[in-house]
Amino acid sequence: MDITNLLVFLAIGGIAGWLAGLLLKGGGYGLLVNIVIGVIGSVVGGFAFGLLGLSASGLLGSIITATVDAVLLLLIVGLLKRAAEPPPLIAFPIFLQRKG
């Protein structure tokens, strides 16, 4: 892989991450993290689409493949983040609280 292919790969991942953040409307984690997830999505998406027997050719096909997987990755990250948060504290009603 030469430098040109690497730059194209990073650009496709960046576009995919940006699109995924737009599609989820607030489900993203900022431009930089969305771009990283887009790059990961482009790698995983190409592999997953190949396993499913689907193929996308050309620049547009690569962007679509990477975007679909970046959206899935952002959803999974969001679910994991929500699962890791502690449950909210339950406040006792005023009439059950002790008075000084």
PDB file of N, CA and C in Angstrom:
ATOM      1  N   MET A   1       0.853  -1.175   0.000  1.00  0.00           N
ATOM      2  CA  MET A   1       0.000   0.000   0.000  1.00  0.00           C
ATOM      3  C   MET A   1       0.899   1.238   0.000  1.00  0.00           C
ATOM      4  N   ASP A   2       0.744   2.045  -1.015  1.00  0.00           N
ATOM      5  CA  ASP A   2       1.545   3.269  -1.065  1.00  0.00           C
ATOM      6  C   ASP A   2       0.812   4.402  -0.352  1.00  0.00           C
ATOM      7  N   ILE A   3       1.434   5.557  -0.311  1.00  0.00           N
ATOM      8  CA  ILE A   3       0.899   6.681   0.457  1.00  0.00           C
ATOM      9  C   ILE A   3      -0.418   7.188  -0.123  1.00  0.00           C
ATOM     10  N   THR A   4      -0.579   7.112  -1.431  1.00  0.00           N
ATOM     11  CA  THR A   4      -1.817   7.567  -2.060  1.00  0.00           C
ATOM     12  C   THR A   4      -2.992   6.704  -1.632  1.00  0.00           C
ATOM     13  N   ASN A   5      -2.808   5.386  -1.661  1.00  0.00           N
ATOM     14  CA  ASN A   5      -3.871   4.479  -1.233  1.00  0.00           C
ATOM     15  C   ASN A   5      -4.215   4.688   0.240  1.00  0.00           C
ATOM     16  N   LEU A   6      -3.200   4.930   1.058  1.00  0.00           N
ATOM     17  CA  LEU A   6      -3.429   5.168   2.472  1.00  0.00           C
ATOM     18  C   LEU A   6      -4.236   6.446   2.689  1.00  0.00           C
ATOM     19  N   LEU A   7      -3.910   7.506   1.963  1.00  0.00           N
ATOM     20  CA  LEU A   7      -4.655   8.765   2.089  1.00  0.00           C
ATOM     21  C   LEU A   7      -6.096   8.616   1.620  1.00  0.00           C
ATOM     22  N   VAL A   8      -6.312   7.872   0.540  1.00  0.00           N
ATOM     23  CA  VAL A   8      -7.679   7.626   0.059  1.00  0.00           C
ATOM     24  C   VAL A   8      -8.448   6.818   1.089  1.00  0.00           C
ATOM     25  N   PHE A   9      -7.810   5.809   1.662  1.00  0.00           N
ATOM     26  CA  PHE A   9      -8.428   4.971   2.689  1.00  0.00           C
ATOM     27  C   PHE A   9      -8.836   5.807   3.896  1.00  0.00           C
ATOM     28  N   LEU A  10      -7.953   6.686   4.355  1.00  0.00           N
ATOM     29  CA  LEU A  10      -8.259   7.561   5.485  1.00  0.00           C
ATOM     30  C   LEU A  10      -9.357   8.562   5.145  1.00  0.00           C
ATOM     31  N   ALA A  11      -9.358   9.065   3.921  1.00  0.00           N
ATOM     32  CA  ALA A  11     -10.399  10.010   3.502  1.00  0.00           C
ATOM     33  C   ALA A  11     -11.763   9.329   3.462  1.00  0.00           C
ATOM     34  N   ILE A  12     -11.819   8.106   2.941  1.00  0.00           N
ATOM     35  CA  ILE A  12     -13.083   7.360   2.903  1.00  0.00           C
ATOM     36  C   ILE A  12     -13.568   7.096   4.321  1.00  0.00           C
ATOM     37  N   GLY A  13     -12.675   6.689   5.198  1.00  0.00           N
ATOM     38  CA  GLY A  13     -13.053   6.467   6.588  1.00  0.00           C
ATOM     39  C   GLY A  13     -13.517   7.741   7.271  1.00  0.00           C
ATOM     40  N   GLY A  14     -12.855   8.839   6.972  1.00  0.00           N
ATOM     41  CA  GLY A  14     -13.249  10.121   7.548  1.00  0.00           C
ATOM     42  C   GLY A  14     -14.633  10.561   7.085  1.00  0.00           C
ATOM     43  N   ILE A  15     -14.890  10.413   5.804  1.00  0.00           N
ATOM     44  CA  ILE A  15     -16.204  10.757   5.263  1.00  0.00           C
ATOM     45  C   ILE A  15     -17.271   9.852   5.866  1.00  0.00           C
ATOM     46  N   ALA A  16     -16.965   8.569   5.977  1.00  0.00           N
ATOM     47  CA  ALA A  16     -17.923   7.613   6.543  1.00  0.00           C
ATOM     48  C   ALA A  16     -18.227   7.931   8.000  1.00  0.00           C
ATOM     49  N   GLY A  17     -17.221   8.260   8.778  1.00  0.00           N
ATOM     50  CA  GLY A  17     -17.438   8.614  10.179  1.00  0.00           C
ATOM     51  C   GLY A  17     -18.237   9.887  10.327  1.00  0.00           C
ATOM     52  N   TRP A  18     -17.956  10.855   9.482  1.00  0.00           N
ATOM     53  CA  TRP A  18     -18.698  12.114   9.512  1.00  0.00           C
ATOM     54  C   TRP A  18     -20.162  11.874   9.147  1.00  0.00           C
ATOM     55  N   LEU A  19     -20.404  11.080   8.093  1.00  0.00           N
ATOM     56  CA  LEU A  19     -21.778  10.762   7.694  1.00  0.00           C
ATOM     57  C   LEU A  19     -22.507   9.977   8.778  1.00  0.00           C
ATOM     58  N   ALA A  20     -21.811   9.050   9.414  1.00  0.00           N
ATOM     59  CA  ALA A  20     -22.428   8.263  10.487  1.00  0.00           C
ATOM     60  C   ALA A  20     -22.835   9.160  11.646  1.00  0.00           C
ATOM     61  N   GLY A  21     -22.002  10.119  11.986  1.00  0.00           N
ATOM     62  CA  GLY A  21     -22.346  11.062  13.045  1.00  0.00           C
ATOM     63  C   GLY A  21     -23.556  11.911  12.681  1.00  0.00           C
ATOM     64  N   LEU A  22     -23.664  12.299  11.409  1.00  0.00           N
ATOM     65  CA  LEU A  22     -24.830  13.057  10.959  1.00  0.00           C
ATOM     66  C   LEU A  22     -26.091  12.206  10.974  1.00  0.00           C
ATOM     67  N   LEU A  23     -25.967  10.959  10.536  1.00  0.00           N
ATOM     68  CA  LEU A  23     -27.129  10.070  10.475  1.00  0.00           C
ATOM     69  C   LEU A  23     -27.678   9.751  11.856  1.00  0.00           C
ATOM     70  N   LEU A  24     -26.824   9.668  12.851  1.00  0.00           N
ATOM     71  CA  LEU A  24     -27.276   9.330  14.196  1.00  0.00           C
ATOM     72  C   LEU A  24     -27.744  10.538  14.981  1.00  0.00           C
ATOM     73  N   LYS A  25     -27.556  11.737  14.470  1.00  0.00           N
ATOM     74  CA  LYS A  25     -28.035  12.977  15.091  1.00  0.00           C
ATOM     75  C   LYS A  25     -27.778  13.020  16.584  1.00  0.00           C
ATOM     76  N   GLY A  26     -26.562  13.275  16.937  1.00  0.00           N
ATOM     77  CA  GLY A  26     -26.213  13.361  18.350  1.00  0.00           C
ATOM     78  C   GLY A  26     -25.664  12.060  18.890  1.00  0.00           C
ATOM     79  N   GLY A  27     -25.672  11.011  18.080  1.00  0.00           N
ATOM     80  CA  GLY A  27     -25.129   9.742  18.534  1.00  0.00           C
ATOM     81  C   GLY A  27     -23.634   9.662  18.349  1.00  0.00           C
ATOM     82  N   GLY A  28     -23.058  10.681  17.746  1.00  0.00           N
ATOM     83  CA  GLY A  28     -21.632  10.681  17.524  1.00  0.00           C
ATOM     84  C   GLY A  28     -20.878  11.178  18.740  1.00  0.00           C
ATOM     85  N   TYR A  29     -19.575  11.130  18.656  1.00  0.00           N
ATOM     86  CA  TYR A  29     -18.722  11.502  19.781  1.00  0.00           C
ATOM     87  C   TYR A  29     -17.724  12.573  19.400  1.00  0.00           C
ATOM     88  N   GLY A  30     -18.090  13.417  18.482  1.00  0.00           N
ATOM     89  CA  GLY A  30     -17.187  14.462  18.022  1.00  0.00           C
ATOM     90  C   GLY A  30     -16.542  14.048  16.712  1.00  0.00           C
ATOM     91  N   LEU A  31     -16.067  15.026  15.987  1.00  0.00           N
ATOM     92  CA  LEU A  31     -15.558  14.784  14.644  1.00  0.00           C
ATOM     93  C   LEU A  31     -14.386  13.808  14.630  1.00  0.00           C
ATOM     94  N   LEU A  32     -13.414  13.988  15.519  1.00  0.00           N
ATOM     95  CA  LEU A  32     -12.224  13.139  15.498  1.00  0.00           C
ATOM     96  C   LEU A  32     -12.558  11.681  15.807  1.00  0.00           C
ATOM     97  N   VAL A  33     -13.368  11.446  16.827  1.00  0.00           N
ATOM     98  CA  VAL A  33     -13.728  10.071  17.178  1.00  0.00           C
ATOM     99  C   VAL A  33     -14.584   9.454  16.084  1.00  0.00           C
ATOM    100  N   ASN A  34     -15.501  10.238  15.489  1.00  0.00           N
ATOM    101  CA  ASN A  34     -16.309   9.729  14.396  1.00  0.00           C
ATOM    102  C   ASN A  34     -15.442   9.331  13.198  1.00  0.00           C
ATOM    103  N   ILE A  35     -14.391  10.102  12.942  1.00  0.00           N
ATOM    104  CA  ILE A  35     -13.488   9.766  11.839  1.00  0.00           C
ATOM    105  C   ILE A  35     -12.753   8.472  12.141  1.00  0.00           C
ATOM    106  N   VAL A  36     -12.281   8.313  13.374  1.00  0.00           N
ATOM    107  CA  VAL A  36     -11.598   7.064  13.755  1.00  0.00           C
ATOM    108  C   VAL A  36     -12.548   5.883  13.623  1.00  0.00           C
ATOM    109  N   ILE A  37     -13.794   6.054  14.078  1.00  0.00           N
ATOM    110  CA  ILE A  37     -14.769   4.977  13.959  1.00  0.00           C
ATOM    111  C   ILE A  37     -15.087   4.723  12.491  1.00  0.00           C
ATOM    112  N   GLY A  38     -15.089   5.755  11.671  1.00  0.00           N
ATOM    113  CA  GLY A  38     -15.291   5.572  10.231  1.00  0.00           C
ATOM    114  C   GLY A  38     -14.175   4.768   9.590  1.00  0.00           C
ATOM    115  N   VAL A  39     -12.931   5.015  10.006  1.00  0.00           N
ATOM    116  CA  VAL A  39     -11.803   4.242   9.475  1.00  0.00           C
ATOM    117  C   VAL A  39     -11.921   2.784   9.909  1.00  0.00           C
ATOM    118  N   ILE A  40     -12.253   2.571  11.184  1.00  0.00           N
ATOM    119  CA  ILE A  40     -12.451   1.190  11.661  1.00  0.00           C
ATOM    120  C   ILE A  40     -13.623   0.560  10.924  1.00  0.00           C
ATOM    121  N   GLY A  41     -14.692   1.341  10.716  1.00  0.00           N
ATOM    122  CA  GLY A  41     -15.857   0.846   9.993  1.00  0.00           C
ATOM    123  C   GLY A  41     -15.540   0.458   8.563  1.00  0.00           C
ATOM    124  N   SER A  42     -14.637   1.176   7.933  1.00  0.00           N
ATOM    125  CA  SER A  42     -14.290   0.830   6.559  1.00  0.00           C
ATOM    126  C   SER A  42     -13.536  -0.496   6.484  1.00  0.00           C
ATOM    127  N   VAL A  43     -12.712  -0.759   7.486  1.00  0.00           N
ATOM    128  CA  VAL A  43     -11.988  -2.040   7.522  1.00  0.00           C
ATOM    129  C   VAL A  43     -12.958  -3.178   7.817  1.00  0.00           C
ATOM    130  N   VAL A  44     -13.732  -3.013   8.889  1.00  0.00           N
ATOM    131  CA  VAL A  44     -14.670  -4.060   9.298  1.00  0.00           C
ATOM    132  C   VAL A  44     -15.764  -4.234   8.251  1.00  0.00           C
ATOM    133  N   GLY A  45     -16.234  -3.126   7.671  1.00  0.00           N
ATOM    134  CA  GLY A  45     -17.292  -3.184   6.668  1.00  0.00           C
ATOM    135  C   GLY A  45     -16.872  -3.950   5.425  1.00  0.00           C
ATOM    136  N   GLY A  46     -15.670  -3.709   4.968  1.00  0.00           N
ATOM    137  CA  GLY A  46     -15.184  -4.448   3.801  1.00  0.00           C
ATOM    138  C   GLY A  46     -15.107  -5.936   4.079  1.00  0.00           C
ATOM    139  N   PHE A  47     -14.660  -6.288   5.263  1.00  0.00           N
ATOM    140  CA  PHE A  47     -14.566  -7.696   5.655  1.00  0.00           C
ATOM    141  C   PHE A  47     -15.958  -8.318   5.808  1.00  0.00           C
ATOM    142  N   ALA A  48     -16.855  -7.605   6.509  1.00  0.00           N
ATOM    143  CA  ALA A  48     -18.201  -8.134   6.767  1.00  0.00           C
ATOM    144  C   ALA A  48     -19.006  -8.255   5.473  1.00  0.00           C
ATOM    145  N   PHE A  49     -18.932  -7.258   4.620  1.00  0.00           N
ATOM    146  CA  PHE A  49     -19.660  -7.330   3.354  1.00  0.00           C
ATOM    147  C   PHE A  49     -19.132  -8.480   2.502  1.00  0.00           C
ATOM    148  N   GLY A  50     -17.825  -8.731   2.561  1.00  0.00           N
ATOM    149  CA  GLY A  50     -17.249  -9.859   1.831  1.00  0.00           C
ATOM    150  C   GLY A  50     -17.763 -11.184   2.356  1.00  0.00           C
ATOM    151  N   LEU A  51     -17.896 -11.308   3.669  1.00  0.00           N
ATOM    152  CA  LEU A  51     -18.428 -12.543   4.250  1.00  0.00           C
ATOM    153  C   LEU A  51     -19.886 -12.762   3.867  1.00  0.00           C
ATOM    154  N   LEU A  52     -20.634 -11.689   3.722  1.00  0.00           N
ATOM    155  CA  LEU A  52     -22.043 -11.797   3.344  1.00  0.00           C
ATOM    156  C   LEU A  52     -22.244 -11.962   1.850  1.00  0.00           C
ATOM    157  N   GLY A  53     -21.160 -11.908   1.100  1.00  0.00           N
ATOM    158  CA  GLY A  53     -21.253 -12.058  -0.343  1.00  0.00           C
ATOM    159  C   GLY A  53     -21.657 -10.774  -1.053  1.00  0.00           C
ATOM    160  N   LEU A  54     -21.620  -9.673  -0.350  1.00  0.00           N
ATOM    161  CA  LEU A  54     -21.951  -8.385  -0.952  1.00  0.00           C
ATOM    162  C   LEU A  54     -20.671  -7.705  -1.398  1.00  0.00           C
ATOM    163  N   SER A  55     -20.778  -6.950  -2.455  1.00  0.00           N
ATOM    164  CA  SER A  55     -19.593  -6.226  -2.897  1.00  0.00           C
ATOM    165  C   SER A  55     -19.998  -4.822  -3.327  1.00  0.00           C
ATOM    166  N   ALA A  56     -19.136  -3.898  -3.047  1.00  0.00           N
ATOM    167  CA  ALA A  56     -19.337  -2.516  -3.457  1.00  0.00           C
ATOM    168  C   ALA A  56     -18.080  -2.084  -4.188  1.00  0.00           C
ATOM    169  N   SER A  57     -18.262  -1.560  -5.373  1.00  0.00           N
ATOM    170  CA  SER A  57     -17.085  -1.153  -6.133  1.00  0.00           C
ATOM    171  C   SER A  57     -17.061   0.357  -6.298  1.00  0.00           C
ATOM    172  N   GLY A  58     -15.899   0.856  -6.479  1.00  0.00           N
ATOM    173  CA  GLY A  58     -15.728   2.280  -6.700  1.00  0.00           C
ATOM    174  C   GLY A  58     -15.703   3.077  -5.412  1.00  0.00           C
ATOM    175  N   LEU A  59     -15.527   4.348  -5.568  1.00  0.00           N
ATOM    176  CA  LEU A  59     -15.416   5.245  -4.432  1.00  0.00           C
ATOM    177  C   LEU A  59     -16.735   5.329  -3.668  1.00  0.00           C
ATOM    178  N   LEU A  60     -17.844   5.480  -4.381  1.00  0.00           N
ATOM    179  CA  LEU A  60     -19.150   5.586  -3.728  1.00  0.00           C
ATOM    180  C   LEU A  60     -19.503   4.302  -2.978  1.00  0.00           C
ATOM    181  N   GLY A  61     -19.222   3.159  -3.569  1.00  0.00           N
ATOM    182  CA  GLY A  61     -19.479   1.881  -2.899  1.00  0.00           C
ATOM    183  C   GLY A  61     -18.658   1.733  -1.634  1.00  0.00           C
ATOM    184  N   SER A  62     -17.421   2.184  -1.676  1.00  0.00           N
ATOM    185  CA  SER A  62     -16.565   2.127  -0.486  1.00  0.00           C
ATOM    186  C   SER A  62     -17.085   3.044   0.615  1.00  0.00           C
ATOM    187  N   ILE A  63     -17.561   4.216   0.233  1.00  0.00           N
ATOM    188  CA  ILE A  63     -18.097   5.150   1.230  1.00  0.00           C
ATOM    189  C   ILE A  63     -19.371   4.582   1.850  1.00  0.00           C
ATOM    190  N   ILE A  64     -20.226   3.986   1.038  1.00  0.00           N
ATOM    191  CA  ILE A  64     -21.469   3.400   1.559  1.00  0.00           C
ATOM    192  C   ILE A  64     -21.158   2.253   2.511  1.00  0.00           C
ATOM    193  N   THR A  65     -20.254   1.368   2.112  1.00  0.00           N
ATOM    194  CA  THR A  65     -19.874   0.238   2.960  1.00  0.00           C
ATOM    195  C   THR A  65     -19.313   0.724   4.290  1.00  0.00           C
ATOM    196  N   ALA A  66     -18.409   1.677   4.240  1.00  0.00           N
ATOM    197  CA  ALA A  66     -17.791   2.188   5.460  1.00  0.00           C
ATOM    198  C   ALA A  66     -18.809   2.923   6.331  1.00  0.00           C
ATOM    199  N   THR A  67     -19.736   3.649   5.705  1.00  0.00           N
ATOM    200  CA  THR A  67     -20.740   4.394   6.472  1.00  0.00           C
ATOM    201  C   THR A  67     -21.692   3.454   7.194  1.00  0.00           C
ATOM    202  N   VAL A  68     -22.140   2.402   6.520  1.00  0.00           N
ATOM    203  CA  VAL A  68     -23.043   1.433   7.156  1.00  0.00           C
ATOM    204  C   VAL A  68     -22.384   0.829   8.381  1.00  0.00           C
ATOM    205  N   ASP A  69     -21.146   0.430   8.249  1.00  0.00           N
ATOM    206  CA  ASP A  69     -20.472  -0.181   9.391  1.00  0.00           C
ATOM    207  C   ASP A  69     -20.108   0.848  10.465  1.00  0.00           C
ATOM    208  N   ALA A  70     -19.809   2.077  10.072  1.00  0.00           N
ATOM    209  CA  ALA A  70     -19.523   3.109  11.074  1.00  0.00           C
ATOM    210  C   ALA A  70     -20.775   3.415  11.896  1.00  0.00           C
ATOM    211  N   VAL A  71     -21.946   3.433  11.255  1.00  0.00           N
ATOM    212  CA  VAL A  71     -23.196   3.633  11.994  1.00  0.00           C
ATOM    213  C   VAL A  71     -23.396   2.494  12.983  1.00  0.00           C
ATOM    214  N   LEU A  72     -23.173   1.265  12.527  1.00  0.00           N
ATOM    215  CA  LEU A  72     -23.316   0.114  13.431  1.00  0.00           C
ATOM    216  C   LEU A  72     -22.333   0.202  14.596  1.00  0.00           C
ATOM    217  N   LEU A  73     -21.104   0.585  14.313  1.00  0.00           N
ATOM    218  CA  LEU A  73     -20.111   0.712  15.383  1.00  0.00           C
ATOM    219  C   LEU A  73     -20.486   1.821  16.363  1.00  0.00           C
ATOM    220  N   LEU A  74     -20.985   2.947  15.864  1.00  0.00           N
ATOM    221  CA  LEU A  74     -21.398   4.025  16.762  1.00  0.00           C
ATOM    222  C   LEU A  74     -22.570   3.588  17.638  1.00  0.00           C
ATOM    223  N   LEU A  75     -23.492   2.816  17.068  1.00  0.00           N
ATOM    224  CA  LEU A  75     -24.611   2.294  17.865  1.00  0.00           C
ATOM    225  C   LEU A  75     -24.113   1.343  18.950  1.00  0.00           C
ATOM    226  N   ILE A  76     -23.176   0.468  18.593  1.00  0.00           N
ATOM    227  CA  ILE A  76     -22.628  -0.482  19.570  1.00  0.00           C
ATOM    228  C   ILE A  76     -21.867   0.258  20.663  1.00  0.00           C
ATOM    229  N   VAL A  77     -21.058   1.238  20.285  1.00  0.00           N
ATOM    230  CA  VAL A  77     -20.315   2.022  21.281  1.00  0.00           C
ATOM    231  C   VAL A  77     -21.290   2.748  22.207  1.00  0.00           C
ATOM    232  N   GLY A  78     -22.371   3.290  21.645  1.00  0.00           N
ATOM    233  CA  GLY A  78     -23.372   3.967  22.456  1.00  0.00           C
ATOM    234  C   GLY A  78     -24.048   3.023  23.441  1.00  0.00           C
ATOM    235  N   LEU A  79     -24.350   1.806  22.999  1.00  0.00           N
ATOM    236  CA  LEU A  79     -24.957   0.821  23.894  1.00  0.00           C
ATOM    237  C   LEU A  79     -23.996   0.412  25.002  1.00  0.00           C
ATOM    238  N   LEU A  80     -22.739   0.214  24.663  1.00  0.00           N
ATOM    239  CA  LEU A  80     -21.746  -0.156  25.666  1.00  0.00           C
ATOM    240  C   LEU A  80     -21.531   0.978  26.660  1.00  0.00           C
ATOM    241  N   LYS A  81     -21.521   2.205  26.161  1.00  0.00           N
ATOM    242  CA  LYS A  81     -21.339   3.361  27.043  1.00  0.00           C
ATOM    243  C   LYS A  81     -22.529   3.495  27.988  1.00  0.00           C
ATOM    244  N   ARG A  82     -23.731   3.280  27.462  1.00  0.00           N
ATOM    245  CA  ARG A  82     -24.926   3.377  28.297  1.00  0.00           C
ATOM    246  C   ARG A  82     -24.960   2.252  29.328  1.00  0.00           C
ATOM    247  N   ALA A  83     -24.495   1.068  28.965  1.00  0.00           N
ATOM    248  CA  ALA A  83     -24.485  -0.066  29.895  1.00  0.00           C
ATOM    249  C   ALA A  83     -23.460   0.136  31.004  1.00  0.00           C
ATOM    250  N   ALA A  84     -22.402   0.888  30.736  1.00  0.00           N
ATOM    251  CA  ALA A  84     -21.351   1.100  31.729  1.00  0.00           C
ATOM    252  C   ALA A  84     -21.693   2.203  32.726  1.00  0.00           C
ATOM    253  N   GLU A  85     -22.695   3.014  32.417  1.00  0.00           N
ATOM    254  CA  GLU A  85     -23.059   4.099  33.324  1.00  0.00           C
ATOM    255  C   GLU A  85     -23.771   3.537  34.547  1.00  0.00           C
ATOM    256  N   PRO A  86     -23.500   4.113  35.710  1.00  0.00           N
ATOM    257  CA  PRO A  86     -24.199   3.638  36.906  1.00  0.00           C
ATOM    258  C   PRO A  86     -25.674   4.044  36.857  1.00  0.00           C
ATOM    259  N   PRO A  87     -26.529   3.276  37.500  1.00  0.00           N
ATOM    260  CA  PRO A  87     -27.952   3.645  37.496  1.00  0.00           C
ATOM    261  C   PRO A  87     -28.170   4.926  38.291  1.00  0.00           C
ATOM    262  N   PRO A  88     -29.210   5.660  37.974  1.00  0.00           N
ATOM    263  CA  PRO A  88     -29.462   6.902  38.709  1.00  0.00           C
ATOM    264  C   PRO A  88     -29.862   6.600  40.152  1.00  0.00           C
ATOM    265  N   LEU A  89     -29.508   7.519  41.033  1.00  0.00           N
ATOM    266  CA  LEU A  89     -29.875   7.377  42.435  1.00  0.00           C
ATOM    267  C   LEU A  89     -31.352   7.685  42.599  1.00  0.00           C
ATOM    268  N   ILE A  90     -31.983   6.919  43.458  1.00  0.00           N
ATOM    269  CA  ILE A  90     -33.400   7.135  43.715  1.00  0.00           C
ATOM    270  C   ILE A  90     -33.518   7.949  44.994  1.00  0.00           C
ATOM    271  N   ALA A  91     -34.169   9.075  44.913  1.00  0.00           N
ATOM    272  CA  ALA A  91     -34.338   9.945  46.083  1.00  0.00           C
ATOM    273  C   ALA A  91     -35.548   9.476  46.883  1.00  0.00           C
ATOM    274  N   PHE A  92     -35.399   9.495  48.191  1.00  0.00           N
ATOM    275  CA  PHE A  92     -36.520   9.141  49.051  1.00  0.00           C
ATOM    276  C   PHE A  92     -37.525  10.282  49.062  1.00  0.00           C
ATOM    277  N   PRO A  93     -38.786   9.965  49.109  1.00  0.00           N
ATOM    278  CA  PRO A  93     -39.777  11.033  49.241  1.00  0.00           C
ATOM    279  C   PRO A  93     -39.544  11.801  50.543  1.00  0.00           C
ATOM    280  N   ILE A  94     -39.960  13.035  50.557  1.00  0.00           N
ATOM    281  CA  ILE A  94     -39.717  13.919  51.694  1.00  0.00           C
ATOM    282  C   ILE A  94     -40.319  13.357  52.980  1.00  0.00           C
ATOM    283  N   PHE A  95     -41.510  12.755  52.909  1.00  0.00           N
ATOM    284  CA  PHE A  95     -42.154  12.282  54.131  1.00  0.00           C
ATOM    285  C   PHE A  95     -41.471  11.072  54.720  1.00  0.00           C
ATOM    286  N   LEU A  96     -40.580  10.407  53.981  1.00  0.00           N
ATOM    287  CA  LEU A  96     -39.851   9.271  54.540  1.00  0.00           C
ATOM    288  C   LEU A  96     -38.491   9.670  55.120  1.00  0.00           C
ATOM    289  N   GLN A  97     -38.066  10.896  54.867  1.00  0.00           N
ATOM    290  CA  GLN A  97     -36.761  11.329  55.366  1.00  0.00           C
ATOM    291  C   GLN A  97     -36.848  11.693  56.839  1.00  0.00           C
ATOM    292  N   ARG A  98     -35.771  11.416  57.545  1.00  0.00           N
ATOM    293  CA  ARG A  98     -35.715  11.770  58.967  1.00  0.00           C
ATOM    294  C   ARG A  98     -35.565  13.259  59.139  1.00  0.00           C
ATOM    295  N   LYS A  99     -36.192  13.737  60.161  1.00  0.00           N
ATOM    296  CA  LYS A  99     -36.066  15.156  60.464  1.00  0.00           C
ATOM    297  C   LYS A  99     -35.099  15.312  61.629  1.00  0.00           C
ATOM    298  N   GLY A 100     -34.192  16.258  61.466  1.00  0.00           N
ATOM    299  CA  GLY A 100     -33.132  16.582  62.355  1.00  0.00           C
ATOM    300  C   GLY A 100     -33.282  16.355  63.751  1.00  0.00           C
TER     301      GLY A 100
END
